[in-house]
Amino acid sequence: MKNITKEWAKSAEKDLRDALILFNNKSYKNCILYSHQAIEKILKSIIVDKNYRQIRTHDLISLVNDTKLRLPPDILDFIDLLNPHYLPP
């Protein structure tokens, strides 16, 4: 794994941890933002690690397609549900 992808994966892990804290504190809007960020960073790290192009988008569905991963339908449904709710502060 490249250094940049390791950094993104570590950052995604922190975002996911923060999303859980926010969820447990009923801060759902921010939980959604951090959840989206975590997934986005993981997907982008996969794309860059596989030497695909680096992408500047927040569209999770596009990123999933670019990873060429075959994700289970329930995960794809969750990503589809989360995708339109990226609203940074």
N, C-alpha and C. Protein backbone atom coordinates (compact mmCIF):
# COMPACT_ATOMS: atom_id res chain seq x y z
N MET A 1 0.85 -1.18 0.00
CA MET A 1 0.00 0.00 0.00
C MET A 1 0.89 1.23 0.00
N LYS A 2 0.53 2.19 -0.84
CA LYS A 2 1.30 3.44 -0.93
C LYS A 2 1.10 4.27 0.33
N ASN A 3 2.07 5.15 0.61
CA ASN A 3 1.98 5.99 1.81
C ASN A 3 0.72 6.85 1.81
N ILE A 4 0.38 7.42 0.66
CA ILE A 4 -0.80 8.29 0.60
C ILE A 4 -2.06 7.49 0.91
N THR A 5 -2.13 6.26 0.43
CA THR A 5 -3.32 5.46 0.71
C THR A 5 -3.38 5.02 2.17
N LYS A 6 -2.22 4.80 2.77
CA LYS A 6 -2.19 4.50 4.21
C LYS A 6 -2.71 5.67 5.02
N GLU A 7 -2.31 6.89 4.62
CA GLU A 7 -2.77 8.09 5.31
C GLU A 7 -4.28 8.26 5.16
N TRP A 8 -4.79 8.04 3.96
CA TRP A 8 -6.23 8.16 3.73
C TRP A 8 -7.00 7.11 4.53
N ALA A 9 -6.49 5.90 4.56
CA ALA A 9 -7.15 4.83 5.31
C ALA A 9 -7.17 5.16 6.81
N LYS A 10 -6.08 5.69 7.32
CA LYS A 10 -6.02 6.08 8.72
C LYS A 10 -6.99 7.22 9.01
N SER A 11 -7.05 8.18 8.11
CA SER A 11 -7.98 9.30 8.26
C SER A 11 -9.43 8.82 8.19
N ALA A 12 -9.70 7.88 7.30
CA ALA A 12 -11.05 7.31 7.18
C ALA A 12 -11.45 6.59 8.45
N GLU A 13 -10.50 5.89 9.05
CA GLU A 13 -10.78 5.19 10.30
C GLU A 13 -11.14 6.19 11.40
N LYS A 14 -10.43 7.30 11.46
CA LYS A 14 -10.75 8.35 12.44
C LYS A 14 -12.13 8.95 12.17
N ASP A 15 -12.43 9.20 10.89
CA ASP A 15 -13.74 9.74 10.55
C ASP A 15 -14.86 8.79 10.96
N LEU A 16 -14.65 7.51 10.75
CA LEU A 16 -15.65 6.52 11.12
C LEU A 16 -15.84 6.47 12.64
N ARG A 17 -14.74 6.54 13.36
CA ARG A 17 -14.81 6.57 14.83
C ARG A 17 -15.58 7.82 15.29
N ASP A 18 -15.29 8.97 14.66
CA ASP A 18 -15.98 10.21 15.01
C ASP A 18 -17.47 10.12 14.66
N ALA A 19 -17.78 9.48 13.53
CA ALA A 19 -19.18 9.32 13.13
C ALA A 19 -19.95 8.53 14.18
N LEU A 20 -19.33 7.51 14.72
CA LEU A 20 -19.97 6.70 15.76
C LEU A 20 -20.21 7.52 17.03
N ILE A 21 -19.24 8.31 17.39
CA ILE A 21 -19.39 9.19 18.56
C ILE A 21 -20.53 10.18 18.33
N LEU A 22 -20.56 10.77 17.14
CA LEU A 22 -21.63 11.72 16.81
C LEU A 22 -23.00 11.04 16.83
N PHE A 23 -23.06 9.84 16.29
CA PHE A 23 -24.31 9.09 16.29
C PHE A 23 -24.79 8.82 17.72
N ASN A 24 -23.87 8.37 18.55
CA ASN A 24 -24.22 8.07 19.94
C ASN A 24 -24.66 9.31 20.72
N ASN A 25 -24.24 10.48 20.24
CA ASN A 25 -24.63 11.74 20.87
C ASN A 25 -25.78 12.42 20.12
N LYS A 26 -26.42 11.68 19.23
CA LYS A 26 -27.59 12.13 18.47
C LYS A 26 -27.31 13.35 17.60
N SER A 27 -26.08 13.48 17.15
CA SER A 27 -25.71 14.53 16.21
C SER A 27 -25.70 13.91 14.81
N TYR A 28 -26.91 13.63 14.33
CA TYR A 28 -27.06 12.82 13.13
C TYR A 28 -26.56 13.50 11.85
N LYS A 29 -26.77 14.79 11.72
CA LYS A 29 -26.30 15.50 10.53
C LYS A 29 -24.78 15.38 10.39
N ASN A 30 -24.08 15.61 11.48
CA ASN A 30 -22.62 15.50 11.44
C ASN A 30 -22.17 14.05 11.31
N CYS A 31 -22.94 13.13 11.87
CA CYS A 31 -22.64 11.70 11.72
C CYS A 31 -22.67 11.32 10.24
N ILE A 32 -23.68 11.82 9.52
CA ILE A 32 -23.78 11.54 8.09
C ILE A 32 -22.58 12.11 7.35
N LEU A 33 -22.18 13.32 7.68
CA LEU A 33 -21.03 13.94 7.03
C LEU A 33 -19.76 13.11 7.24
N TYR A 34 -19.51 12.71 8.48
CA TYR A 34 -18.30 11.94 8.76
C TYR A 34 -18.36 10.53 8.18
N SER A 35 -19.54 9.95 8.13
CA SER A 35 -19.69 8.63 7.51
C SER A 35 -19.38 8.72 6.02
N HIS A 36 -19.92 9.74 5.39
CA HIS A 36 -19.67 9.96 3.96
C HIS A 36 -18.17 10.14 3.72
N GLN A 37 -17.55 10.96 4.54
CA GLN A 37 -16.11 11.23 4.40
C GLN A 37 -15.29 9.94 4.54
N ALA A 38 -15.65 9.12 5.50
CA ALA A 38 -14.91 7.87 5.72
C ALA A 38 -14.99 6.97 4.50
N ILE A 39 -16.19 6.80 3.97
CA ILE A 39 -16.36 5.95 2.80
C ILE A 39 -15.65 6.55 1.59
N GLU A 40 -15.79 7.84 1.42
CA GLU A 40 -15.13 8.52 0.29
C GLU A 40 -13.61 8.33 0.34
N LYS A 41 -13.01 8.50 1.51
CA LYS A 41 -11.56 8.37 1.63
C LYS A 41 -11.09 6.94 1.36
N ILE A 42 -11.84 5.97 1.84
CA ILE A 42 -11.46 4.57 1.58
C ILE A 42 -11.54 4.28 0.09
N LEU A 43 -12.62 4.70 -0.55
CA LEU A 43 -12.77 4.45 -1.99
C LEU A 43 -11.67 5.14 -2.79
N LYS A 44 -11.38 6.38 -2.45
CA LYS A 44 -10.31 7.10 -3.15
C LYS A 44 -8.95 6.45 -2.91
N SER A 45 -8.72 5.93 -1.71
CA SER A 45 -7.44 5.28 -1.44
C SER A 45 -7.29 4.02 -2.29
N ILE A 46 -8.38 3.30 -2.49
CA ILE A 46 -8.34 2.10 -3.34
C ILE A 46 -8.03 2.48 -4.78
N ILE A 47 -8.68 3.52 -5.26
CA ILE A 47 -8.47 3.98 -6.64
C ILE A 47 -7.01 4.38 -6.85
N VAL A 48 -6.47 5.17 -5.95
CA VAL A 48 -5.08 5.63 -6.09
C VAL A 48 -4.10 4.47 -5.90
N ASP A 49 -4.38 3.59 -4.96
CA ASP A 49 -3.48 2.47 -4.71
C ASP A 49 -3.38 1.54 -5.92
N LYS A 50 -4.46 1.42 -6.65
CA LYS A 50 -4.46 0.56 -7.84
C LYS A 50 -3.97 1.31 -9.09
N ASN A 51 -3.42 2.49 -8.88
CA ASN A 51 -2.88 3.32 -9.96
C ASN A 51 -3.93 3.77 -10.96
N TYR A 52 -5.19 3.82 -10.51
CA TYR A 52 -6.21 4.46 -11.32
C TYR A 52 -6.04 5.95 -11.14
N ARG A 53 -6.78 6.72 -11.86
CA ARG A 53 -6.64 8.17 -11.75
C ARG A 53 -7.14 8.68 -10.40
N GLN A 54 -6.58 9.79 -9.96
CA GLN A 54 -7.07 10.43 -8.74
C GLN A 54 -8.29 11.26 -9.10
N ILE A 55 -9.32 11.17 -8.31
CA ILE A 55 -10.59 11.78 -8.64
C ILE A 55 -10.93 12.86 -7.62
N ARG A 56 -11.47 13.94 -8.13
CA ARG A 56 -11.94 15.03 -7.27
C ARG A 56 -13.46 15.09 -7.35
N THR A 57 -14.08 14.23 -6.57
CA THR A 57 -15.53 14.17 -6.51
C THR A 57 -15.95 13.69 -5.14
N HIS A 58 -17.18 14.00 -4.80
CA HIS A 58 -17.74 13.49 -3.55
C HIS A 58 -18.83 12.46 -3.84
N ASP A 59 -18.97 12.08 -5.09
CA ASP A 59 -19.99 11.14 -5.52
C ASP A 59 -19.55 9.71 -5.20
N LEU A 60 -20.14 9.14 -4.17
CA LEU A 60 -19.74 7.80 -3.72
C LEU A 60 -20.02 6.73 -4.78
N ILE A 61 -21.11 6.86 -5.49
CA ILE A 61 -21.47 5.87 -6.50
C ILE A 61 -20.44 5.86 -7.62
N SER A 62 -20.04 7.03 -8.05
CA SER A 62 -18.99 7.13 -9.07
C SER A 62 -17.68 6.53 -8.57
N LEU A 63 -17.36 6.79 -7.31
CA LEU A 63 -16.13 6.25 -6.74
C LEU A 63 -16.18 4.73 -6.62
N VAL A 64 -17.32 4.19 -6.22
CA VAL A 64 -17.47 2.73 -6.15
C VAL A 64 -17.23 2.14 -7.54
N ASN A 65 -17.83 2.73 -8.55
CA ASN A 65 -17.64 2.23 -9.92
C ASN A 65 -16.18 2.29 -10.33
N ASP A 66 -15.49 3.35 -9.95
CA ASP A 66 -14.09 3.50 -10.32
C ASP A 66 -13.17 2.52 -9.61
N THR A 67 -13.59 2.00 -8.46
CA THR A 67 -12.75 1.02 -7.75
C THR A 67 -12.80 -0.34 -8.43
N LYS A 68 -13.87 -0.57 -9.19
CA LYS A 68 -14.10 -1.86 -9.85
C LYS A 68 -14.36 -2.98 -8.83
N LEU A 69 -14.77 -2.59 -7.61
CA LEU A 69 -15.11 -3.58 -6.58
C LEU A 69 -16.52 -4.10 -6.82
N ARG A 70 -16.74 -5.34 -6.45
CA ARG A 70 -18.08 -5.92 -6.47
C ARG A 70 -18.58 -5.97 -5.03
N LEU A 71 -19.36 -4.98 -4.69
CA LEU A 71 -19.85 -4.88 -3.32
C LEU A 71 -21.21 -5.54 -3.20
N PRO A 72 -21.53 -6.07 -2.01
CA PRO A 72 -22.84 -6.69 -1.79
C PRO A 72 -23.95 -5.66 -1.97
N PRO A 73 -25.12 -6.13 -2.39
CA PRO A 73 -26.25 -5.22 -2.63
C PRO A 73 -26.61 -4.34 -1.42
N ASP A 74 -26.53 -4.88 -0.21
CA ASP A 74 -26.89 -4.07 0.96
C ASP A 74 -25.91 -2.91 1.17
N ILE A 75 -24.65 -3.13 0.86
CA ILE A 75 -23.66 -2.05 0.97
C ILE A 75 -23.91 -1.01 -0.12
N LEU A 76 -24.19 -1.46 -1.32
CA LEU A 76 -24.50 -0.54 -2.42
C LEU A 76 -25.76 0.27 -2.11
N ASP A 77 -26.75 -0.37 -1.50
CA ASP A 77 -27.98 0.35 -1.11
C ASP A 77 -27.67 1.43 -0.08
N PHE A 78 -26.80 1.10 0.88
CA PHE A 78 -26.43 2.08 1.91
C PHE A 78 -25.70 3.26 1.28
N ILE A 79 -24.76 2.98 0.38
CA ILE A 79 -24.01 4.05 -0.29
C ILE A 79 -24.95 4.91 -1.12
N ASP A 80 -25.90 4.28 -1.79
CA ASP A 80 -26.87 5.02 -2.59
C ASP A 80 -27.72 5.93 -1.70
N LEU A 81 -28.08 5.45 -0.51
CA LEU A 81 -28.85 6.24 0.43
C LEU A 81 -28.04 7.40 1.00
N LEU A 82 -26.79 7.17 1.30
CA LEU A 82 -25.91 8.17 1.91
C LEU A 82 -25.43 9.22 0.91
N ASN A 83 -25.26 8.84 -0.32
CA ASN A 83 -24.62 9.67 -1.33
C ASN A 83 -25.16 11.10 -1.43
N PRO A 84 -26.47 11.32 -1.50
CA PRO A 84 -26.95 12.69 -1.69
C PRO A 84 -26.88 13.58 -0.45
N HIS A 85 -26.43 13.03 0.67
CA HIS A 85 -26.46 13.79 1.91
C HIS A 85 -25.12 14.39 2.31
N TYR A 86 -24.22 14.51 1.37
CA TYR A 86 -22.94 15.13 1.69
C TYR A 86 -23.11 16.64 1.69
N LEU A 87 -23.17 17.21 2.90
CA LEU A 87 -23.35 18.65 3.05
C LEU A 87 -22.34 19.18 4.05
N PRO A 88 -21.13 19.53 3.57
CA PRO A 88 -20.13 20.02 4.51
C PRO A 88 -20.57 21.33 5.18
N PRO A 89 -20.11 21.56 6.41
CA PRO A 89 -20.52 22.78 7.13
C PRO A 89 -20.02 24.04 6.47
